[in-house]
Protein backbone atom coordinates (compact mmCIF):
# COMPACT_ATOMS: atom_id res chain seq x y z
CA MET A 1 142.50 120.84 199.61
CA LYS A 2 144.80 121.50 197.69
CA ASN A 3 146.57 118.39 197.99
CA SER A 4 142.98 116.34 197.36
CA PHE A 5 143.41 118.42 193.78
CA THR A 6 147.31 117.08 193.45
CA THR A 7 145.68 113.47 193.95
CA LEU A 8 143.53 114.16 191.95
CA VAL A 9 145.84 115.01 188.48
CA ALA A 10 147.82 112.90 189.97
CA ILE A 11 145.09 109.59 189.52
CA LEU A 12 144.07 111.31 186.18
CA ILE A 13 147.67 111.40 185.10
CA THR A 14 148.08 107.21 186.17
CA GLY A 15 145.58 105.98 184.44
CA THR A 16 145.99 107.60 181.60
CA LEU A 17 150.01 106.69 181.50
CA LEU A 18 147.72 102.68 182.30
CA SER A 19 145.20 103.42 180.21
CA ARG A 20 148.28 103.55 177.06
CA MET A 21 150.53 101.15 178.53
CA PHE A 22 147.06 98.48 178.86
CA LEU A 23 145.48 99.31 175.96
CA TYR A 24 144.92 100.32 172.49
CA GLN A 25 142.20 101.34 169.83
CA VAL A 26 141.73 99.84 166.27
CA ARG A 27 139.36 102.38 163.95
CA TYR A 28 137.08 100.97 161.82
CA ASP A 29 139.73 101.71 158.28
CA GLN A 30 142.56 99.87 160.47
CA VAL A 31 143.60 95.91 161.44
CA ALA A 32 146.12 95.37 163.64
CA VAL A 33 148.48 92.56 164.30
CA LYS A 34 149.16 92.32 168.21
CA THR A 35 152.64 90.37 168.76
CA ASN A 36 153.85 88.30 171.84
CA PHE A 37 157.43 88.85 172.09
CA ASP A 38 158.02 89.86 168.91
CA ARG A 39 156.34 86.97 167.53
CA ALA A 40 152.76 86.40 165.36
CA ASP A 41 150.20 83.99 164.80
CA SER A 42 146.86 83.87 163.62
CA GLU A 43 145.32 85.02 166.75
CA SER A 44 147.63 88.76 167.19
CA VAL A 45 145.24 89.62 163.34
CA GLN A 46 142.68 92.08 165.02
CA THR A 47 139.74 93.61 162.46
CA THR A 48 136.83 94.01 164.66
CA ALA A 49 137.27 98.30 165.93
CA GLY A 50 137.26 98.92 169.89
CA LEU A 51 139.17 99.23 172.73
CA LYS A 52 141.89 96.24 172.72
CA TRP A 53 143.10 94.65 175.85
CA ARG A 54 147.15 94.15 175.42
CA LEU A 55 150.22 93.71 178.65
CA PRO A 56 152.99 96.45 178.08
CA TRP A 57 155.47 96.45 175.90
CA PRO A 58 158.06 94.28 175.68
CA ILE A 59 155.41 91.77 176.29
CA ASN A 60 152.60 93.12 173.88
CA LYS A 61 153.33 94.93 170.39
CA VAL A 62 150.56 96.47 168.53
CA THR A 63 151.34 97.68 165.14
CA HIS A 64 148.55 99.36 163.12
CA TYR A 65 147.46 99.09 159.54
CA SER A 66 145.37 100.96 156.91
CA LYS A 67 142.52 98.99 155.22
CA ARG A 68 142.17 101.88 152.57
CA LEU A 69 143.26 101.53 149.00
CA GLN A 70 146.35 102.60 148.74
CA LEU A 71 147.64 104.76 145.25
CA LEU A 72 151.51 104.82 143.67
CA GLU A 73 153.49 106.47 141.47
CA ASP A 74 155.88 105.42 139.54
CA LYS A 75 157.84 108.53 137.93
CA ILE A 76 158.67 109.81 134.30
CA GLU A 77 160.33 107.69 132.42
CA GLU A 78 161.52 108.05 128.23
CA LEU A 79 160.94 104.71 127.02
CA GLN A 80 160.36 103.02 122.87
CA THR A 81 157.45 101.71 121.44
CA ALA A 82 157.73 98.87 119.32
CA ASP A 83 158.31 101.43 115.67
CA GLY A 84 160.80 103.31 117.57
CA LYS A 85 159.20 106.57 118.37
CA SER A 86 159.81 107.84 121.92
CA VAL A 87 157.14 108.33 124.45
CA ILE A 88 157.25 109.99 128.43
CA VAL A 89 155.02 107.40 130.56
CA ARG A 90 154.48 108.10 134.73
CA THR A 91 152.88 104.52 135.78
CA TYR A 92 150.83 104.10 138.62
CA LEU A 93 149.43 101.42 140.87
CA THR A 94 146.82 100.96 143.61
CA TRP A 95 147.75 98.03 146.13
CA ARG A 96 145.88 97.72 150.10
CA ILE A 97 146.91 94.52 152.14
CA ASP A 98 145.21 91.23 152.15
CA ASN A 99 147.03 89.46 154.34
CA PRO A 100 147.87 91.28 157.84
CA LEU A 101 149.77 88.76 159.04
CA ASP A 102 151.50 87.63 155.69
CA PHE A 103 152.42 91.46 155.30
CA TYR A 104 154.28 91.74 159.16
CA VAL A 105 156.28 88.82 159.65
CA THR A 106 157.63 89.46 155.61
CA LEU A 107 157.56 93.68 154.69
CA LYS A 108 156.21 95.73 158.45
CA ASP A 109 156.44 99.15 156.99
CA PRO A 110 154.39 100.02 153.48
CA SER A 111 157.06 101.88 152.43
CA GLU A 112 159.03 98.86 152.26
CA ALA A 113 156.20 98.03 150.65
CA GLU A 114 156.01 100.73 148.39
CA ARG A 115 159.71 100.05 147.21
CA GLN A 116 158.89 96.76 146.63
CA LEU A 117 155.89 97.08 144.32
CA ALA A 118 158.22 99.91 142.92
CA THR A 119 160.14 98.34 141.46
CA ARG A 120 157.58 95.79 139.87
CA LEU A 121 155.76 98.85 138.45
CA ARG A 122 158.56 99.33 135.91
CA GLU A 123 157.27 96.06 134.49
CA MET A 124 154.42 98.13 132.81
CA ARG A 125 157.56 99.52 130.47
CA GLY A 126 158.61 96.50 129.07
CA VAL A 127 154.66 96.05 128.18
CA ILE A 128 154.27 99.36 126.30
CA SER A 129 157.67 98.56 124.98
CA ARG A 130 155.76 95.61 123.09
CA PHE A 131 153.53 97.43 120.92
CA ARG A 132 152.92 100.39 118.48
CA LEU A 133 152.76 104.35 118.89
CA ASP A 134 149.68 104.13 116.88
CA GLU A 135 147.93 101.19 119.66
CA LEU A 136 148.69 103.87 122.38
CA VAL A 137 147.41 107.32 120.97
CA ASN A 138 144.92 107.36 118.04
CA LEU A 139 141.23 109.01 117.64
CA ASP A 140 140.20 105.88 116.71
CA ARG A 141 139.15 104.48 120.68
CA SER A 142 139.10 100.27 118.95
CA LYS A 143 142.28 101.36 117.63
CA LEU A 144 144.01 101.36 121.64
CA MET A 145 145.21 98.66 123.12
CA LEU A 146 145.74 100.90 126.67
CA GLU A 147 143.05 98.66 128.46
CA THR A 148 145.49 95.61 127.20
CA ILE A 149 148.07 96.64 128.68
CA GLU A 150 147.20 97.74 132.06
CA GLU A 151 145.49 94.21 132.49
CA GLU A 152 148.86 92.64 130.87
CA ALA A 153 150.69 94.78 133.24
CA ARG A 154 148.65 93.87 137.01
CA LYS A 155 148.80 90.48 135.88
CA ALA A 156 152.81 90.65 135.49
CA ILE A 157 152.86 91.94 138.87
CA GLU A 158 150.47 89.81 140.36
CA ALA A 159 152.13 86.81 139.35
CA SER A 160 155.06 88.59 141.35
CA LEU A 161 153.59 88.74 144.25
CA ALA A 162 152.03 86.02 144.69
CA GLU A 163 155.57 84.47 144.94
CA THR A 164 156.58 86.55 147.66
CA GLN A 165 153.75 85.87 150.15
CA TYR A 166 153.75 90.10 150.78
CA GLY A 167 150.25 89.85 151.56
CA ILE A 168 149.54 92.50 149.06
CA LYS A 169 146.90 92.72 146.45
CA VAL A 170 147.20 95.18 143.46
CA GLU A 171 143.51 96.76 142.38
CA SER A 172 144.46 97.89 139.46
CA VAL A 173 147.36 100.01 137.69
CA GLY A 174 147.70 102.17 134.58
CA LEU A 175 149.39 104.87 132.55
CA TYR A 176 149.10 108.04 134.51
CA LYS A 177 150.27 110.23 132.39
CA LEU A 178 151.49 109.64 128.39
CA VAL A 179 153.59 112.62 126.59
CA LEU A 180 155.36 113.04 123.27
CA PRO A 181 158.62 114.27 123.43
CA GLU A 182 158.86 117.45 120.66
CA ALA A 183 160.59 115.13 117.96
CA THR A 184 157.91 112.45 118.44
CA THR A 185 155.58 114.98 118.20
CA GLU A 186 156.82 116.44 114.53
CA LYS A 187 156.44 112.96 113.43
CA VAL A 188 152.92 112.35 114.57
CA PHE A 189 152.10 116.02 112.49
CA GLU A 190 153.45 115.11 110.07
CA THR A 191 152.37 111.51 109.91
CA MET A 192 149.04 112.95 111.06
CA ILE A 193 149.27 115.42 107.39
CA ALA A 194 149.95 113.19 104.90
CA THR A 195 147.00 110.63 106.12
CA ARG A 196 144.72 113.65 105.92
CA GLU A 197 145.77 114.75 102.28
CA ARG A 198 145.75 111.34 101.62
CA LEU A 199 141.74 110.41 102.55
CA ALA A 200 141.38 113.84 100.80
CA GLU A 201 142.50 113.38 97.56
CA ASN A 202 140.42 109.63 97.93
CA ALA A 203 137.71 111.87 99.29
CA LEU A 204 138.18 114.13 95.89
CA GLN A 205 138.75 111.05 93.61
CA GLU A 206 134.90 109.08 95.18
CA GLY A 207 133.79 112.70 94.27
CA GLN A 208 135.07 112.85 90.71
CA ALA A 209 133.87 109.96 89.76
CA GLN A 210 130.67 110.03 92.23
CA ALA A 211 130.02 113.35 89.54
CA SER A 212 130.95 111.67 85.92
CA ALA A 213 128.99 108.60 86.16
CA ILE A 214 126.08 110.91 87.46
CA ARG A 215 126.58 113.28 84.04
CA SER A 216 126.88 110.74 82.45
CA GLU A 217 123.35 109.31 84.13
CA ALA A 218 122.05 112.46 82.98
CA GLN A 219 123.10 113.12 79.58
CA SER A 220 121.97 109.36 78.80
CA ALA A 221 118.45 110.07 80.56
CA ARG A 222 118.72 113.60 77.92
CA ASP A 223 118.81 111.66 75.16
CA ARG A 224 116.46 109.03 75.94
CA ILE A 225 113.75 112.03 76.96
CA LEU A 226 114.97 114.09 73.56
CA ALA A 227 114.59 111.04 71.56
CA PHE A 228 111.04 110.15 72.85
CA ALA A 229 109.75 113.56 72.41
CA GLU A 230 111.17 114.02 68.96
CA ARG A 231 109.43 110.69 67.97
CA ARG A 232 106.33 111.97 70.19
CA ALA A 233 106.88 115.07 68.19
CA GLN A 234 106.68 113.78 64.84
CA THR A 235 103.81 111.51 66.12
CA ILE A 236 101.81 115.08 66.41
CA ARG A 237 103.23 116.22 62.81
CA SER A 238 101.91 113.32 60.75
CA GLU A 239 98.20 113.48 62.81
CA GLY A 240 98.33 116.98 61.71
CA ASP A 241 99.33 116.75 58.73
CA ARG A 242 97.00 114.47 57.60
CA GLU A 243 93.57 116.25 59.73
CA ALA A 244 95.48 119.60 57.19
CA SER A 245 94.76 117.51 54.47
CA GLN A 246 91.17 117.12 55.30
CA GLU A 247 90.85 121.20 56.16
CA TYR A 248 92.76 121.46 52.93
CA ASP A 249 90.33 119.78 50.27
CA SER A 250 87.28 120.83 51.75
CA PHE A 251 88.29 124.02 52.16
CA ALA A 252 89.30 123.86 48.10
CA LEU A 253 85.67 123.44 47.75
CA ASN A 254 85.19 126.88 49.06
CA GLU A 255 87.81 128.82 48.83
CA ASP A 256 86.26 131.93 49.52
CA PHE A 257 83.82 131.10 52.45
CA ALA A 258 87.27 129.50 53.83
CA ILE A 259 89.01 132.97 53.68
CA PHE A 260 85.35 134.04 55.51
CA LEU A 261 85.62 131.92 58.46
CA ARG A 262 89.28 132.09 58.35
CA LYS A 263 88.82 136.04 59.13
CA VAL A 264 85.61 135.01 61.88
CA GLN A 265 88.50 133.38 63.80
CA ALA A 266 90.72 135.71 63.40
CA LEU A 267 88.22 137.96 64.82
CA GLU A 268 87.21 135.78 68.32
CA LYS A 269 90.68 135.36 69.17
CA MET A 270 91.20 139.61 68.98
CA LEU A 271 88.63 140.47 70.36
CA ASP A 272 88.00 137.74 73.08
CA HIS A 273 88.41 140.39 76.15
CA ASN A 274 86.42 142.97 75.30
CA THR A 275 87.99 144.79 73.05
CA THR A 276 86.35 146.82 70.86
CA PHE A 277 88.26 146.80 67.10
CA VAL A 278 86.87 148.72 64.33
CA LEU A 279 87.42 148.05 61.10
CA SER A 280 86.24 148.55 57.38
CA ALA A 281 83.78 146.71 55.73
CA ASP A 282 85.49 146.41 53.50
CA SER A 283 88.59 144.85 54.38
CA LEU A 284 87.04 142.18 55.99
CA GLY A 285 85.06 140.81 52.15
CA ILE A 286 81.61 141.35 53.47
CA LEU A 287 80.31 143.21 51.52
CA ASP A 288 80.79 141.71 48.48
CA TRP A 289 78.11 139.01 49.33
CA PHE A 290 76.18 142.17 48.38
CA ASN A 291 78.04 143.51 45.24
CA ASN A 292 77.99 140.27 43.73
CA ASP A 293 75.48 139.55 40.75
CA PRO A 294 72.32 137.11 43.30
CA GLY A 295 71.29 135.35 40.68
CA ALA A 296 74.93 134.15 39.77
CA ASN A 297 75.87 133.49 42.92
CA GLN A 298 72.07 131.59 43.20
CA GLY A 299 73.40 129.65 40.74
CA THR A 300 76.61 129.13 41.68
CA ARG A 301 75.19 128.00 44.81
CA SER A 302 73.31 125.57 43.64
CA GLN A 303 75.79 124.02 41.13
CA GLN A 304 77.52 123.81 44.00
CA VAL A 305 75.21 121.97 46.06
CA ARG A 306 73.77 120.00 42.96
CA GLN A 307 78.07 119.04 42.69
CA GLY A 308 78.19 117.05 46.45
CA GLY A 309 80.20 119.83 48.02
CA ILE A 310 79.50 121.65 50.62
CA PRO A 311 76.45 121.83 52.00
CA ALA A 312 72.81 124.10 51.57
CA ALA A 313 72.35 124.46 55.02
CA SER A 314 75.39 125.64 55.83
CA LEU A 315 76.17 128.08 53.19
CA PRO A 316 75.46 132.52 53.93
CA GLU A 317 71.81 132.91 52.88
CA THR A 318 72.13 135.77 49.90
CA PRO A 319 70.01 139.37 51.05
CA GLN A 320 66.78 140.17 48.75
């Protein structure tokens, strides 16, 4: 029984070793290059996932590469912009293996690929140095040139890699970090303060100009309104004077009666709101009609009627 167990274990170990010697696995996110005596050709590339057959080393050798997108970050470095400002930048790029056979023939190791790419990534610093600081940092997005910088750097790196046939494809190049040194920060703040003060002064001058224009327009409108009102008032006064002269001519025909009517009109205005107002009849001259000689009054009225001054119907009757 013990010998059978030992034999089973030995068979399993032997099977595992043989499988590792004659089989290899390619995952879905990998590509494998199987060489024959360290020579590779187009049939050496295995892209489909699963278990594959091979001969033991040194006949066949299998190298696995990742299909995934890989990130490479450069170290932080200070550089000068086109307008003489200092900035601290950190760049990056993403890459993947586009041709596994060329990659194996030229580089073999991904670490060597990163070393080659890091050298070319420094070309982006030269691209950045051709732009001004306000094209790297600005509140107005339309003035930023970051996309242009990244695109130019990517094209420059791709052109450099096309001559080497490394089998690498660069997907993107960009700025990972952009920091301003303390001295540059102070200058930027001074520039921003001066710009804001200039904008505030321009806004103040523009506001003062608009206020002056509004005041002038209001003054002109006021003068026009006052002139129109004065002309209208003068017209009304003239009309009133004409009507008053007509009234005065009528009143001159019988001054006593006109005074009596004025007093009655004054009473109507004073007693308009249910007001009780007690006065002596003598104060209004109402009894003057009774104190005068009837014959004299009658004669005076008849004479005025004959002269055409006052209509007879409009005169009060003399009490008998």
